Amino acid sequence: MANIGDYLLAEVMLWLMYAALLAAIVAAIVSAVRSFRQRSESIAMSNRVPRQWIAWGIVGFTVLLLVITCLLGSSQPLIINGISYTDRFWLKTTDGLIASSLILIVIAACFVVYGISGMNRKIKR
């Protein structure tokens, strides 16, 4: 059973999480716009690929991954602490965000291993 004090700060924590999420979204958008504007033409190419294509490709891949994982996410009702959660939209969204995070972490780890291994230096020779 839950005590009355268990949920005392729950609403405050929810509003803090909403504020943190909003701040993260605003920071990501400002950072992306700033990096696109400050890109000089002298470094416009990376390995004969336009850097702007790389940047837009990463943005597109991330958005596409989020959409796909949210659409494929589970919407089975959950029972947590005796409370049934049945909202299909939020169940799919949560599952999609968790799956996207895990996929992006695995991709990042693969690139770190690739960078540490020195394979890119061996290929250039």
PDB file of N, CA and C in Angstrom:
ATOM      1  N   MET A   1       0.830  -1.185   0.000  1.00  0.00           N
ATOM      2  CA  MET A   1       0.000   0.000   0.000  1.00  0.00           C
ATOM      3  C   MET A   1       0.867   1.240   0.000  1.00  0.00           C
ATOM      4  N   ALA A   2       0.374   2.261  -0.627  1.00  0.00           N
ATOM      5  CA  ALA A   2       1.119   3.511  -0.720  1.00  0.00           C
ATOM      6  C   ALA A   2       0.740   4.445   0.419  1.00  0.00           C
ATOM      7  N   ASN A   3       1.731   5.086   0.946  1.00  0.00           N
ATOM      8  CA  ASN A   3       1.490   6.102   1.965  1.00  0.00           C
ATOM      9  C   ASN A   3       1.143   7.415   1.298  1.00  0.00           C
ATOM     10  N   ILE A   4       0.489   8.291   2.012  1.00  0.00           N
ATOM     11  CA  ILE A   4       0.097   9.569   1.428  1.00  0.00           C
ATOM     12  C   ILE A   4       1.311  10.414   1.065  1.00  0.00           C
ATOM     13  N   GLY A   5       2.420  10.242   1.760  1.00  0.00           N
ATOM     14  CA  GLY A   5       3.622  11.019   1.469  1.00  0.00           C
ATOM     15  C   GLY A   5       4.367  10.546   0.232  1.00  0.00           C
ATOM     16  N   ASP A   6       4.047   9.345  -0.269  1.00  0.00           N
ATOM     17  CA  ASP A   6       4.745   8.806  -1.434  1.00  0.00           C
ATOM     18  C   ASP A   6       4.540   9.655  -2.681  1.00  0.00           C
ATOM     19  N   TYR A   7       3.378  10.233  -2.807  1.00  0.00           N
ATOM     20  CA  TYR A   7       3.046  10.983  -4.018  1.00  0.00           C
ATOM     21  C   TYR A   7       3.078  12.487  -3.783  1.00  0.00           C
ATOM     22  N   LEU A   8       3.654  12.919  -2.678  1.00  0.00           N
ATOM     23  CA  LEU A   8       3.644  14.318  -2.313  1.00  0.00           C
ATOM     24  C   LEU A   8       4.365  15.181  -3.343  1.00  0.00           C
ATOM     25  N   LEU A   9       5.513  14.743  -3.820  1.00  0.00           N
ATOM     26  CA  LEU A   9       6.294  15.535  -4.767  1.00  0.00           C
ATOM     27  C   LEU A   9       6.210  15.014  -6.195  1.00  0.00           C
ATOM     28  N   ALA A  10       5.308  14.086  -6.458  1.00  0.00           N
ATOM     29  CA  ALA A  10       5.214  13.493  -7.795  1.00  0.00           C
ATOM     30  C   ALA A  10       4.882  14.546  -8.847  1.00  0.00           C
ATOM     31  N   GLU A  11       3.970  15.441  -8.558  1.00  0.00           N
ATOM     32  CA  GLU A  11       3.588  16.458  -9.544  1.00  0.00           C
ATOM     33  C   GLU A  11       4.735  17.436  -9.795  1.00  0.00           C
ATOM     34  N   VAL A  12       5.454  17.779  -8.745  1.00  0.00           N
ATOM     35  CA  VAL A  12       6.610  18.665  -8.904  1.00  0.00           C
ATOM     36  C   VAL A  12       7.665  17.991  -9.776  1.00  0.00           C
ATOM     37  N   MET A  13       7.912  16.714  -9.536  1.00  0.00           N
ATOM     38  CA  MET A  13       8.897  15.982 -10.337  1.00  0.00           C
ATOM     39  C   MET A  13       8.468  15.885 -11.800  1.00  0.00           C
ATOM     40  N   LEU A  14       7.182  15.672 -12.033  1.00  0.00           N
ATOM     41  CA  LEU A  14       6.692  15.630 -13.414  1.00  0.00           C
ATOM     42  C   LEU A  14       6.923  16.960 -14.114  1.00  0.00           C
ATOM     43  N   TRP A  15       6.636  18.062 -13.462  1.00  0.00           N
ATOM     44  CA  TRP A  15       6.835  19.371 -14.077  1.00  0.00           C
ATOM     45  C   TRP A  15       8.316  19.651 -14.303  1.00  0.00           C
ATOM     46  N   LEU A  16       9.170  19.206 -13.391  1.00  0.00           N
ATOM     47  CA  LEU A  16      10.614  19.357 -13.598  1.00  0.00           C
ATOM     48  C   LEU A  16      11.089  18.529 -14.796  1.00  0.00           C
ATOM     49  N   MET A  17      10.541  17.331 -14.946  1.00  0.00           N
ATOM     50  CA  MET A  17      10.902  16.509 -16.105  1.00  0.00           C
ATOM     51  C   MET A  17      10.420  17.142 -17.404  1.00  0.00           C
ATOM     52  N   TYR A  18       9.210  17.707 -17.396  1.00  0.00           N
ATOM     53  CA  TYR A  18       8.723  18.411 -18.589  1.00  0.00           C
ATOM     54  C   TYR A  18       9.624  19.594 -18.920  1.00  0.00           C
ATOM     55  N   ALA A  19      10.040  20.348 -17.906  1.00  0.00           N
ATOM     56  CA  ALA A  19      10.919  21.493 -18.129  1.00  0.00           C
ATOM     57  C   ALA A  19      12.270  21.039 -18.675  1.00  0.00           C
ATOM     58  N   ALA A  20      12.820  19.942 -18.130  1.00  0.00           N
ATOM     59  CA  ALA A  20      14.098  19.419 -18.610  1.00  0.00           C
ATOM     60  C   ALA A  20      13.984  18.928 -20.055  1.00  0.00           C
ATOM     61  N   LEU A  21      12.881  18.266 -20.375  1.00  0.00           N
ATOM     62  CA  LEU A  21      12.667  17.805 -21.748  1.00  0.00           C
ATOM     63  C   LEU A  21      12.565  18.985 -22.705  1.00  0.00           C
ATOM     64  N   LEU A  22      11.811  19.993 -22.327  1.00  0.00           N
ATOM     65  CA  LEU A  22      11.678  21.187 -23.169  1.00  0.00           C
ATOM     66  C   LEU A  22      13.025  21.870 -23.350  1.00  0.00           C
ATOM     67  N   ALA A  23      13.804  21.984 -22.276  1.00  0.00           N
ATOM     68  CA  ALA A  23      15.128  22.604 -22.367  1.00  0.00           C
ATOM     69  C   ALA A  23      16.046  21.797 -23.287  1.00  0.00           C
ATOM     70  N   ALA A  24      15.976  20.481 -23.216  1.00  0.00           N
ATOM     71  CA  ALA A  24      16.803  19.635 -24.080  1.00  0.00           C
ATOM     72  C   ALA A  24      16.413  19.783 -25.542  1.00  0.00           C
ATOM     73  N   ILE A  25      15.120  19.858 -25.819  1.00  0.00           N
ATOM     74  CA  ILE A  25      14.655  20.030 -27.200  1.00  0.00           C
ATOM     75  C   ILE A  25      15.090  21.379 -27.744  1.00  0.00           C
ATOM     76  N   VAL A  26      14.918  22.428 -26.951  1.00  0.00           N
ATOM     77  CA  VAL A  26      15.324  23.775 -27.383  1.00  0.00           C
ATOM     78  C   VAL A  26      16.832  23.819 -27.612  1.00  0.00           C
ATOM     79  N   ALA A  27      17.623  23.223 -26.701  1.00  0.00           N
ATOM     80  CA  ALA A  27      19.076  23.212 -26.858  1.00  0.00           C
ATOM     81  C   ALA A  27      19.495  22.452 -28.114  1.00  0.00           C
ATOM     82  N   ALA A  28      18.828  21.353 -28.410  1.00  0.00           N
ATOM     83  CA  ALA A  28      19.162  20.577 -29.610  1.00  0.00           C
ATOM     84  C   ALA A  28      18.851  21.368 -30.880  1.00  0.00           C
ATOM     85  N   ILE A  29      17.711  22.030 -30.898  1.00  0.00           N
ATOM     86  CA  ILE A  29      17.336  22.812 -32.084  1.00  0.00           C
ATOM     87  C   ILE A  29      18.278  23.991 -32.264  1.00  0.00           C
ATOM     88  N   VAL A  30      18.570  24.727 -31.186  1.00  0.00           N
ATOM     89  CA  VAL A  30      19.480  25.873 -31.275  1.00  0.00           C
ATOM     90  C   VAL A  30      20.866  25.414 -31.709  1.00  0.00           C
ATOM     91  N   SER A  31      21.339  24.304 -31.173  1.00  0.00           N
ATOM     92  CA  SER A  31      22.643  23.787 -31.544  1.00  0.00           C
ATOM     93  C   SER A  31      22.701  23.387 -33.015  1.00  0.00           C
ATOM     94  N   ALA A  32      21.653  22.728 -33.494  1.00  0.00           N
ATOM     95  CA  ALA A  32      21.629  22.313 -34.902  1.00  0.00           C
ATOM     96  C   ALA A  32      21.602  23.522 -35.832  1.00  0.00           C
ATOM     97  N   VAL A  33      20.754  24.502 -35.522  1.00  0.00           N
ATOM     98  CA  VAL A  33      20.670  25.699 -36.364  1.00  0.00           C
ATOM     99  C   VAL A  33      21.995  26.457 -36.343  1.00  0.00           C
ATOM    100  N   ARG A  34      22.595  26.577 -35.174  1.00  0.00           N
ATOM    101  CA  ARG A  34      23.863  27.292 -35.047  1.00  0.00           C
ATOM    102  C   ARG A  34      24.973  26.605 -35.823  1.00  0.00           C
ATOM    103  N   SER A  35      25.038  25.281 -35.752  1.00  0.00           N
ATOM    104  CA  SER A  35      26.104  24.571 -36.466  1.00  0.00           C
ATOM    105  C   SER A  35      25.908  24.645 -37.970  1.00  0.00           C
ATOM    106  N   PHE A  36      24.684  24.646 -38.451  1.00  0.00           N
ATOM    107  CA  PHE A  36      24.445  24.775 -39.886  1.00  0.00           C
ATOM    108  C   PHE A  36      24.806  26.169 -40.377  1.00  0.00           C
ATOM    109  N   ARG A  37      24.540  27.188 -39.569  1.00  0.00           N
ATOM    110  CA  ARG A  37      24.840  28.568 -39.975  1.00  0.00           C
ATOM    111  C   ARG A  37      26.321  28.876 -39.934  1.00  0.00           C
ATOM    112  N   GLN A  38      27.045  28.332 -38.968  1.00  0.00           N
ATOM    113  CA  GLN A  38      28.450  28.668 -38.788  1.00  0.00           C
ATOM    114  C   GLN A  38      29.393  27.809 -39.617  1.00  0.00           C
ATOM    115  N   ARG A  39      28.866  26.910 -40.375  1.00  0.00           N
ATOM    116  CA  ARG A  39      29.714  26.034 -41.177  1.00  0.00           C
ATOM    117  C   ARG A  39      30.359  26.861 -42.290  1.00  0.00           C
ATOM    118  N   SER A  40      31.668  26.849 -42.345  1.00  0.00           N
ATOM    119  CA  SER A  40      32.352  27.616 -43.389  1.00  0.00           C
ATOM    120  C   SER A  40      32.488  26.747 -44.641  1.00  0.00           C
ATOM    121  N   GLU A  41      32.651  27.414 -45.755  1.00  0.00           N
ATOM    122  CA  GLU A  41      32.761  26.689 -47.029  1.00  0.00           C
ATOM    123  C   GLU A  41      34.124  26.021 -47.190  1.00  0.00           C
ATOM    124  N   SER A  42      35.121  26.447 -46.400  1.00  0.00           N
ATOM    125  CA  SER A  42      36.450  25.862 -46.541  1.00  0.00           C
ATOM    126  C   SER A  42      36.475  24.412 -46.048  1.00  0.00           C
ATOM    127  N   ILE A  43      35.570  24.065 -45.161  1.00  0.00           N
ATOM    128  CA  ILE A  43      35.521  22.691 -44.666  1.00  0.00           C
ATOM    129  C   ILE A  43      34.200  22.040 -45.058  1.00  0.00           C
ATOM    130  N   ALA A  44      33.739  22.342 -46.256  1.00  0.00           N
ATOM    131  CA  ALA A  44      32.434  21.873 -46.696  1.00  0.00           C
ATOM    132  C   ALA A  44      32.435  20.400 -47.099  1.00  0.00           C
ATOM    133  N   MET A  45      33.615  19.824 -47.310  1.00  0.00           N
ATOM    134  CA  MET A  45      33.675  18.437 -47.759  1.00  0.00           C
ATOM    135  C   MET A  45      34.419  17.587 -46.729  1.00  0.00           C
ATOM    136  N   SER A  46      33.978  16.344 -46.591  1.00  0.00           N
ATOM    137  CA  SER A  46      34.657  15.376 -45.739  1.00  0.00           C
ATOM    138  C   SER A  46      34.735  14.070 -46.509  1.00  0.00           C
ATOM    139  N   ASN A  47      35.939  13.694 -46.907  1.00  0.00           N
ATOM    140  CA  ASN A  47      36.138  12.494 -47.728  1.00  0.00           C
ATOM    141  C   ASN A  47      35.284  12.538 -48.995  1.00  0.00           C
ATOM    142  N   ARG A  48      35.275  13.672 -49.616  1.00  0.00           N
ATOM    143  CA  ARG A  48      34.537  13.938 -50.862  1.00  0.00           C
ATOM    144  C   ARG A  48      33.024  13.818 -50.718  1.00  0.00           C
ATOM    145  N   VAL A  49      32.525  13.920 -49.491  1.00  0.00           N
ATOM    146  CA  VAL A  49      31.084  13.932 -49.231  1.00  0.00           C
ATOM    147  C   VAL A  49      30.754  15.274 -48.581  1.00  0.00           C
ATOM    148  N   PRO A  50      29.787  16.013 -49.124  1.00  0.00           N
ATOM    149  CA  PRO A  50      29.437  17.302 -48.505  1.00  0.00           C
ATOM    150  C   PRO A  50      28.996  17.104 -47.056  1.00  0.00           C
ATOM    151  N   ARG A  51      29.587  17.896 -46.157  1.00  0.00           N
ATOM    152  CA  ARG A  51      29.277  17.757 -44.738  1.00  0.00           C
ATOM    153  C   ARG A  51      27.813  18.060 -44.447  1.00  0.00           C
ATOM    154  N   GLN A  52      27.212  18.912 -45.232  1.00  0.00           N
ATOM    155  CA  GLN A  52      25.801  19.209 -45.001  1.00  0.00           C
ATOM    156  C   GLN A  52      24.941  17.974 -45.281  1.00  0.00           C
ATOM    157  N   TRP A  53      25.311  17.182 -46.255  1.00  0.00           N
ATOM    158  CA  TRP A  53      24.588  15.927 -46.519  1.00  0.00           C
ATOM    159  C   TRP A  53      24.733  14.985 -45.334  1.00  0.00           C
ATOM    160  N   ILE A  54      25.933  14.937 -44.750  1.00  0.00           N
ATOM    161  CA  ILE A  54      26.164  14.077 -43.587  1.00  0.00           C
ATOM    162  C   ILE A  54      25.273  14.519 -42.428  1.00  0.00           C
ATOM    163  N   ALA A  55      25.250  15.824 -42.185  1.00  0.00           N
ATOM    164  CA  ALA A  55      24.444  16.347 -41.075  1.00  0.00           C
ATOM    165  C   ALA A  55      22.963  16.065 -41.286  1.00  0.00           C
ATOM    166  N   TRP A  56      22.460  16.342 -42.481  1.00  0.00           N
ATOM    167  CA  TRP A  56      21.038  16.078 -42.755  1.00  0.00           C
ATOM    168  C   TRP A  56      20.742  14.590 -42.752  1.00  0.00           C
ATOM    169  N   GLY A  57      21.702  13.769 -43.164  1.00  0.00           N
ATOM    170  CA  GLY A  57      21.523  12.318 -43.110  1.00  0.00           C
ATOM    171  C   GLY A  57      21.377  11.813 -41.688  1.00  0.00           C
ATOM    172  N   ILE A  58      22.181  12.360 -40.777  1.00  0.00           N
ATOM    173  CA  ILE A  58      22.096  11.968 -39.375  1.00  0.00           C
ATOM    174  C   ILE A  58      20.761  12.392 -38.785  1.00  0.00           C
ATOM    175  N   VAL A  59      20.342  13.620 -39.084  1.00  0.00           N
ATOM    176  CA  VAL A  59      19.037  14.099 -38.585  1.00  0.00           C
ATOM    177  C   VAL A  59      17.918  13.225 -39.131  1.00  0.00           C
ATOM    178  N   GLY A  60      17.962  12.958 -40.440  1.00  0.00           N
ATOM    179  CA  GLY A  60      16.930  12.128 -41.059  1.00  0.00           C
ATOM    180  C   GLY A  60      16.901  10.718 -40.501  1.00  0.00           C
ATOM    181  N   PHE A  61      18.081  10.128 -40.302  1.00  0.00           N
ATOM    182  CA  PHE A  61      18.153   8.774 -39.746  1.00  0.00           C
ATOM    183  C   PHE A  61      17.564   8.731 -38.338  1.00  0.00           C
ATOM    184  N   THR A  62      17.901   9.731 -37.530  1.00  0.00           N
ATOM    185  CA  THR A  62      17.405   9.752 -36.155  1.00  0.00           C
ATOM    186  C   THR A  62      15.886   9.897 -36.125  1.00  0.00           C
ATOM    187  N   VAL A  63      15.347  10.794 -36.935  1.00  0.00           N
ATOM    188  CA  VAL A  63      13.890  10.973 -36.978  1.00  0.00           C
ATOM    189  C   VAL A  63      13.215   9.713 -37.504  1.00  0.00           C
ATOM    190  N   LEU A  64      13.759   9.126 -38.566  1.00  0.00           N
ATOM    191  CA  LEU A  64      13.194   7.897 -39.126  1.00  0.00           C
ATOM    192  C   LEU A  64      13.242   6.755 -38.110  1.00  0.00           C
ATOM    193  N   LEU A  65      14.341   6.639 -37.380  1.00  0.00           N
ATOM    194  CA  LEU A  65      14.457   5.609 -36.347  1.00  0.00           C
ATOM    195  C   LEU A  65      13.408   5.809 -35.263  1.00  0.00           C
ATOM    196  N   LEU A  66      13.223   7.047 -34.829  1.00  0.00           N
ATOM    197  CA  LEU A  66      12.211   7.334 -33.806  1.00  0.00           C
ATOM    198  C   LEU A  66      10.810   6.972 -34.295  1.00  0.00           C
ATOM    199  N   VAL A  67      10.492   7.336 -35.525  1.00  0.00           N
ATOM    200  CA  VAL A  67       9.159   7.040 -36.069  1.00  0.00           C
ATOM    201  C   VAL A  67       8.942   5.540 -36.187  1.00  0.00           C
ATOM    202  N   ILE A  68       9.927   4.830 -36.725  1.00  0.00           N
ATOM    203  CA  ILE A  68       9.785   3.379 -36.919  1.00  0.00           C
ATOM    204  C   ILE A  68       9.642   2.660 -35.583  1.00  0.00           C
ATOM    205  N   THR A  69      10.496   3.011 -34.608  1.00  0.00           N
ATOM    206  CA  THR A  69      10.423   2.312 -33.323  1.00  0.00           C
ATOM    207  C   THR A  69       9.143   2.656 -32.567  1.00  0.00           C
ATOM    208  N   CYS A  70       8.639   3.868 -32.738  1.00  0.00           N
ATOM    209  CA  CYS A  70       7.366   4.210 -32.089  1.00  0.00           C
ATOM    210  C   CYS A  70       6.203   3.457 -32.743  1.00  0.00           C
ATOM    211  N   LEU A  71       6.243   3.312 -34.061  1.00  0.00           N
ATOM    212  CA  LEU A  71       5.180   2.573 -34.740  1.00  0.00           C
ATOM    213  C   LEU A  71       5.226   1.080 -34.410  1.00  0.00           C
ATOM    214  N   LEU A  72       6.423   0.533 -34.252  1.00  0.00           N
ATOM    215  CA  LEU A  72       6.567  -0.891 -33.963  1.00  0.00           C
ATOM    216  C   LEU A  72       6.521  -1.209 -32.469  1.00  0.00           C
ATOM    217  N   GLY A  73       6.449  -0.184 -31.634  1.00  0.00           N
ATOM    218  CA  GLY A  73       6.455  -0.380 -30.184  1.00  0.00           C
ATOM    219  C   GLY A  73       5.222  -1.129 -29.701  1.00  0.00           C
ATOM    220  N   SER A  74       5.374  -1.751 -28.549  1.00  0.00           N
ATOM    221  CA  SER A  74       4.289  -2.520 -27.954  1.00  0.00           C
ATOM    222  C   SER A  74       3.253  -1.592 -27.329  1.00  0.00           C
ATOM    223  N   SER A  75       1.992  -1.987 -27.436  1.00  0.00           N
ATOM    224  CA  SER A  75       0.922  -1.215 -26.794  1.00  0.00           C
ATOM    225  C   SER A  75       0.143  -2.083 -25.813  1.00  0.00           C
ATOM    226  N   GLN A  76       0.777  -3.157 -25.335  1.00  0.00           N
ATOM    227  CA  GLN A  76       0.122  -4.003 -24.346  1.00  0.00           C
ATOM    228  C   GLN A  76       0.015  -3.254 -23.024  1.00  0.00           C
ATOM    229  N   PRO A  77      -1.137  -3.309 -22.389  1.00  0.00           N
ATOM    230  CA  PRO A  77      -1.309  -2.612 -21.111  1.00  0.00           C
ATOM    231  C   PRO A  77      -0.321  -3.105 -20.056  1.00  0.00           C
ATOM    232  N   LEU A  78       0.134  -2.189 -19.223  1.00  0.00           N
ATOM    233  CA  LEU A  78       1.052  -2.515 -18.143  1.00  0.00           C
ATOM    234  C   LEU A  78       0.368  -2.288 -16.807  1.00  0.00           C
ATOM    235  N   ILE A  79       0.675  -3.140 -15.853  1.00  0.00           N
ATOM    236  CA  ILE A  79       0.177  -2.945 -14.494  1.00  0.00           C
ATOM    237  C   ILE A  79       1.391  -2.685 -13.616  1.00  0.00           C
ATOM    238  N   ILE A  80       1.481  -1.461 -13.108  1.00  0.00           N
ATOM    239  CA  ILE A  80       2.601  -1.053 -12.277  1.00  0.00           C
ATOM    240  C   ILE A  80       2.054  -0.558 -10.956  1.00  0.00           C
ATOM    241  N   ASN A  81       2.505  -1.171  -9.872  1.00  0.00           N
ATOM    242  CA  ASN A  81       2.040  -0.833  -8.518  1.00  0.00           C
ATOM    243  C   ASN A  81       0.513  -0.898  -8.417  1.00  0.00           C
ATOM    244  N   GLY A  82      -0.070  -1.862  -9.106  1.00  0.00           N
ATOM    245  CA  GLY A  82      -1.514  -2.046  -9.035  1.00  0.00           C
ATOM    246  C   GLY A  82      -2.310  -1.116  -9.920  1.00  0.00           C
ATOM    247  N   ILE A  83      -1.647  -0.234 -10.659  1.00  0.00           N
ATOM    248  CA  ILE A  83      -2.336   0.710 -11.549  1.00  0.00           C
ATOM    249  C   ILE A  83      -2.159   0.226 -12.981  1.00  0.00           C
ATOM    250  N   SER A  84      -3.257   0.150 -13.717  1.00  0.00           N
ATOM    251  CA  SER A  84      -3.216  -0.303 -15.101  1.00  0.00           C
ATOM    252  C   SER A  84      -3.016   0.899 -16.031  1.00  0.00           C
ATOM    253  N   TYR A  85      -1.987   0.803 -16.879  1.00  0.00           N
ATOM    254  CA  TYR A  85      -1.715   1.844 -17.877  1.00  0.00           C
ATOM    255  C   TYR A  85      -2.119   1.287 -19.238  1.00  0.00           C
ATOM    256  N   THR A  86      -3.097   1.929 -19.858  1.00  0.00           N
ATOM    257  CA  THR A  86      -3.663   1.392 -21.095  1.00  0.00           C
ATOM    258  C   THR A  86      -3.639   2.374 -22.264  1.00  0.00           C
ATOM    259  N   ASP A  87      -3.088   3.568 -22.082  1.00  0.00           N
ATOM    260  CA  ASP A  87      -3.070   4.554 -23.158  1.00  0.00           C
ATOM    261  C   ASP A  87      -2.127   4.088 -24.266  1.00  0.00           C
ATOM    262  N   ARG A  88      -2.698   3.719 -25.390  1.00  0.00           N
ATOM    263  CA  ARG A  88      -1.955   3.135 -26.498  1.00  0.00           C
ATOM    264  C   ARG A  88      -0.844   4.058 -26.995  1.00  0.00           C
ATOM    265  N   PHE A  89      -1.120   5.361 -27.133  1.00  0.00           N
ATOM    266  CA  PHE A  89      -0.139   6.312 -27.653  1.00  0.00           C
ATOM    267  C   PHE A  89       1.103   6.366 -26.768  1.00  0.00           C
ATOM    268  N   TRP A  90       0.912   6.531 -25.458  1.00  0.00           N
ATOM    269  CA  TRP A  90       2.051   6.665 -24.561  1.00  0.00           C
ATOM    270  C   TRP A  90       2.811   5.353 -24.396  1.00  0.00           C
ATOM    271  N   LEU A  91       2.117   4.230 -24.452  1.00  0.00           N
ATOM    272  CA  LEU A  91       2.809   2.940 -24.381  1.00  0.00           C
ATOM    273  C   LEU A  91       3.720   2.749 -25.589  1.00  0.00           C
ATOM    274  N   LYS A  92       3.211   3.059 -26.787  1.00  0.00           N
ATOM    275  CA  LYS A  92       4.011   2.918 -28.000  1.00  0.00           C
ATOM    276  C   LYS A  92       5.155   3.933 -28.024  1.00  0.00           C
ATOM    277  N   THR A  93       4.879   5.162 -27.589  1.00  0.00           N
ATOM    278  CA  THR A  93       5.910   6.198 -27.568  1.00  0.00           C
ATOM    279  C   THR A  93       7.038   5.837 -26.614  1.00  0.00           C
ATOM    280  N   THR A  94       6.690   5.384 -25.433  1.00  0.00           N
ATOM    281  CA  THR A  94       7.701   4.999 -24.449  1.00  0.00           C
ATOM    282  C   THR A  94       8.543   3.837 -24.958  1.00  0.00           C
ATOM    283  N   ASP A  95       7.898   2.830 -25.504  1.00  0.00           N
ATOM    284  CA  ASP A  95       8.624   1.682 -26.035  1.00  0.00           C
ATOM    285  C   ASP A  95       9.533   2.112 -27.187  1.00  0.00           C
ATOM    286  N   GLY A  96       9.038   2.991 -28.039  1.00  0.00           N
ATOM    287  CA  GLY A  96       9.840   3.480 -29.161  1.00  0.00           C
ATOM    288  C   GLY A  96      11.051   4.277 -28.711  1.00  0.00           C
ATOM    289  N   LEU A  97      10.884   5.129 -27.701  1.00  0.00           N
ATOM    290  CA  LEU A  97      12.010   5.918 -27.203  1.00  0.00           C
ATOM    291  C   LEU A  97      13.069   5.034 -26.551  1.00  0.00           C
ATOM    292  N   ILE A  98      12.628   4.029 -25.819  1.00  0.00           N
ATOM    293  CA  ILE A  98      13.583   3.113 -25.193  1.00  0.00           C
ATOM    294  C   ILE A  98      14.337   2.332 -26.268  1.00  0.00           C
ATOM    295  N   ALA A  99      13.620   1.815 -27.250  1.00  0.00           N
ATOM    296  CA  ALA A  99      14.264   1.047 -28.321  1.00  0.00           C
ATOM    297  C   ALA A  99      15.219   1.925 -29.127  1.00  0.00           C
ATOM    298  N   SER A 100      14.815   3.150 -29.448  1.00  0.00           N
ATOM    299  CA  SER A 100      15.677   4.070 -30.198  1.00  0.00           C
ATOM    300  C   SER A 100      16.946   4.378 -29.415  1.00  0.00           C
ATOM    301  N   SER A 101      16.801   4.608 -28.115  1.00  0.00           N
ATOM    302  CA  SER A 101      17.972   4.895 -27.280  1.00  0.00           C
ATOM    303  C   SER A 101      18.946   3.726 -27.292  1.00  0.00           C
ATOM    304  N   LEU A 102      18.427   2.518 -27.161  1.00  0.00           N
ATOM    305  CA  LEU A 102      19.300   1.344 -27.162  1.00  0.00           C
ATOM    306  C   LEU A 102      20.005   1.162 -28.508  1.00  0.00           C
ATOM    307  N   ILE A 103      19.276   1.354 -29.592  1.00  0.00           N
ATOM    308  CA  ILE A 103      19.870   1.219 -30.932  1.00  0.00           C
ATOM    309  C   ILE A 103      20.954   2.267 -31.141  1.00  0.00           C
ATOM    310  N   LEU A 104      20.692   3.515 -30.745  1.00  0.00           N
ATOM    311  CA  LEU A 104      21.684   4.578 -30.915  1.00  0.00           C
ATOM    312  C   LEU A 104      22.917   4.347 -30.041  1.00  0.00           C
ATOM    313  N   ILE A 105      22.734   3.791 -28.846  1.00  0.00           N
ATOM    314  CA  ILE A 105      23.875   3.478 -27.983  1.00  0.00           C
ATOM    315  C   ILE A 105      24.731   2.389 -28.623  1.00  0.00           C
ATOM    316  N   VAL A 106      24.102   1.365 -29.191  1.00  0.00           N
ATOM    317  CA  VAL A 106      24.855   0.294 -29.862  1.00  0.00           C
ATOM    318  C   VAL A 106      25.606   0.842 -31.063  1.00  0.00           C
ATOM    319  N   ILE A 107      24.960   1.700 -31.854  1.00  0.00           N
ATOM    320  CA  ILE A 107      25.628   2.305 -33.023  1.00  0.00           C
ATOM    321  C   ILE A 107      26.813   3.147 -32.575  1.00  0.00           C
ATOM    322  N   ALA A 108      26.630   3.953 -31.526  1.00  0.00           N
ATOM    323  CA  ALA A 108      27.729   4.783 -31.021  1.00  0.00           C
ATOM    324  C   ALA A 108      28.884   3.914 -30.532  1.00  0.00           C
ATOM    325  N   ALA A 109      28.578   2.832 -29.841  1.00  0.00           N
ATOM    326  CA  ALA A 109      29.629   1.940 -29.358  1.00  0.00           C
ATOM    327  C   ALA A 109      30.389   1.314 -30.530  1.00  0.00           C
ATOM    328  N   CYS A 110      29.677   0.953 -31.584  1.00  0.00           N
ATOM    329  CA  CYS A 110      30.340   0.385 -32.763  1.00  0.00           C
ATOM    330  C   CYS A 110      31.300   1.394 -33.396  1.00  0.00           C
ATOM    331  N   PHE A 111      30.888   2.655 -33.485  1.00  0.00           N
ATOM    332  CA  PHE A 111      31.765   3.677 -34.051  1.00  0.00           C
ATOM    333  C   PHE A 111      32.966   3.956 -33.149  1.00  0.00           C
ATOM    334  N   VAL A 112      32.783   3.885 -31.838  1.00  0.00           N
ATOM    335  CA  VAL A 112      33.910   4.066 -30.920  1.00  0.00           C
ATOM    336  C   VAL A 112      34.916   2.937 -31.115  1.00  0.00           C
ATOM    337  N   VAL A 113      34.432   1.701 -31.193  1.00  0.00           N
ATOM    338  CA  VAL A 113      35.331   0.562 -31.412  1.00  0.00           C
ATOM    339  C   VAL A 113      36.041   0.703 -32.757  1.00  0.00           C
ATOM    340  N   TYR A 114      35.317   1.138 -33.785  1.00  0.00           N
ATOM    341  CA  TYR A 114      35.919   1.341 -35.108  1.00  0.00           C
ATOM    342  C   TYR A 114      37.001   2.421 -35.037  1.00  0.00           C
ATOM    343  N   GLY A 115      36.731   3.509 -34.334  1.00  0.00           N
ATOM    344  CA  GLY A 115      37.710   4.583 -34.220  1.00  0.00           C
ATOM    345  C   GLY A 115      38.938   4.170 -33.433  1.00  0.00           C
ATOM    346  N   ILE A 116      38.741   3.387 -32.385  1.00  0.00           N
ATOM    347  CA  ILE A 116      39.866   2.937 -31.562  1.00  0.00           C
ATOM    348  C   ILE A 116      40.697   1.892 -32.298  1.00  0.00           C
ATOM    349  N   SER A 117      40.054   1.076 -33.113  1.00  0.00           N
ATOM    350  CA  SER A 117      40.754  -0.036 -33.754  1.00  0.00           C
ATOM    351  C   SER A 117      41.791   0.410 -34.769  1.00  0.00           C
ATOM    352  N   GLY A 118      41.657   1.581 -35.323  1.00  0.00           N
ATOM    353  CA  GLY A 118      42.611   2.054 -36.316  1.00  0.00           C
ATOM    354  C   GLY A 118      42.357   1.513 -37.706  1.00  0.00           C
ATOM    355  N   MET A 119      41.187   0.890 -37.928  1.00  0.00           N
ATOM    356  CA  MET A 119      40.879   0.330 -39.240  1.00  0.00           C
ATOM    357  C   MET A 119      40.800   1.415 -40.302  1.00  0.00           C
ATOM    358  N   ASN A 120      40.307   2.598 -39.933  1.00  0.00           N
ATOM    359  CA  ASN A 120      40.202   3.658 -40.930  1.00  0.00           C
ATOM    360  C   ASN A 120      41.578   4.114 -41.391  1.00  0.00           C
ATOM    361  N   ARG A 121      42.599   4.055 -40.521  1.00  0.00           N
ATOM    362  CA  ARG A 121      43.956   4.430 -40.926  1.00  0.00           C
ATOM    363  C   ARG A 121      44.551   3.337 -41.821  1.00  0.00           C
ATOM    364  N   LYS A 122      44.220   2.073 -41.585  1.00  0.00           N
ATOM    365  CA  LYS A 122      44.734   0.985 -42.414  1.00  0.00           C
ATOM    366  C   LYS A 122      44.131   1.020 -43.811  1.00  0.00           C
ATOM    367  N   ILE A 123      42.862   1.418 -43.901  1.00  0.00           N
ATOM    368  CA  ILE A 123      42.183   1.470 -45.194  1.00  0.00           C
ATOM    369  C   ILE A 123      42.763   2.568 -46.063  1.00  0.00           C
ATOM    370  N   LYS A 124      43.152   3.713 -45.484  1.00  0.00           N
ATOM    371  CA  LYS A 124      43.678   4.839 -46.250  1.00  0.00           C
ATOM    372  C   LYS A 124      45.029   4.542 -46.871  1.00  0.00           C
ATOM    373  N   ARG A 125      45.775   3.606 -46.327  1.00  0.00           N
ATOM    374  CA  ARG A 125      47.117   3.303 -46.858  1.00  0.00           C
ATOM    375  C   ARG A 125      47.079   2.482 -48.063  1.00  0.00           C
TER     376      ARG A 125
END
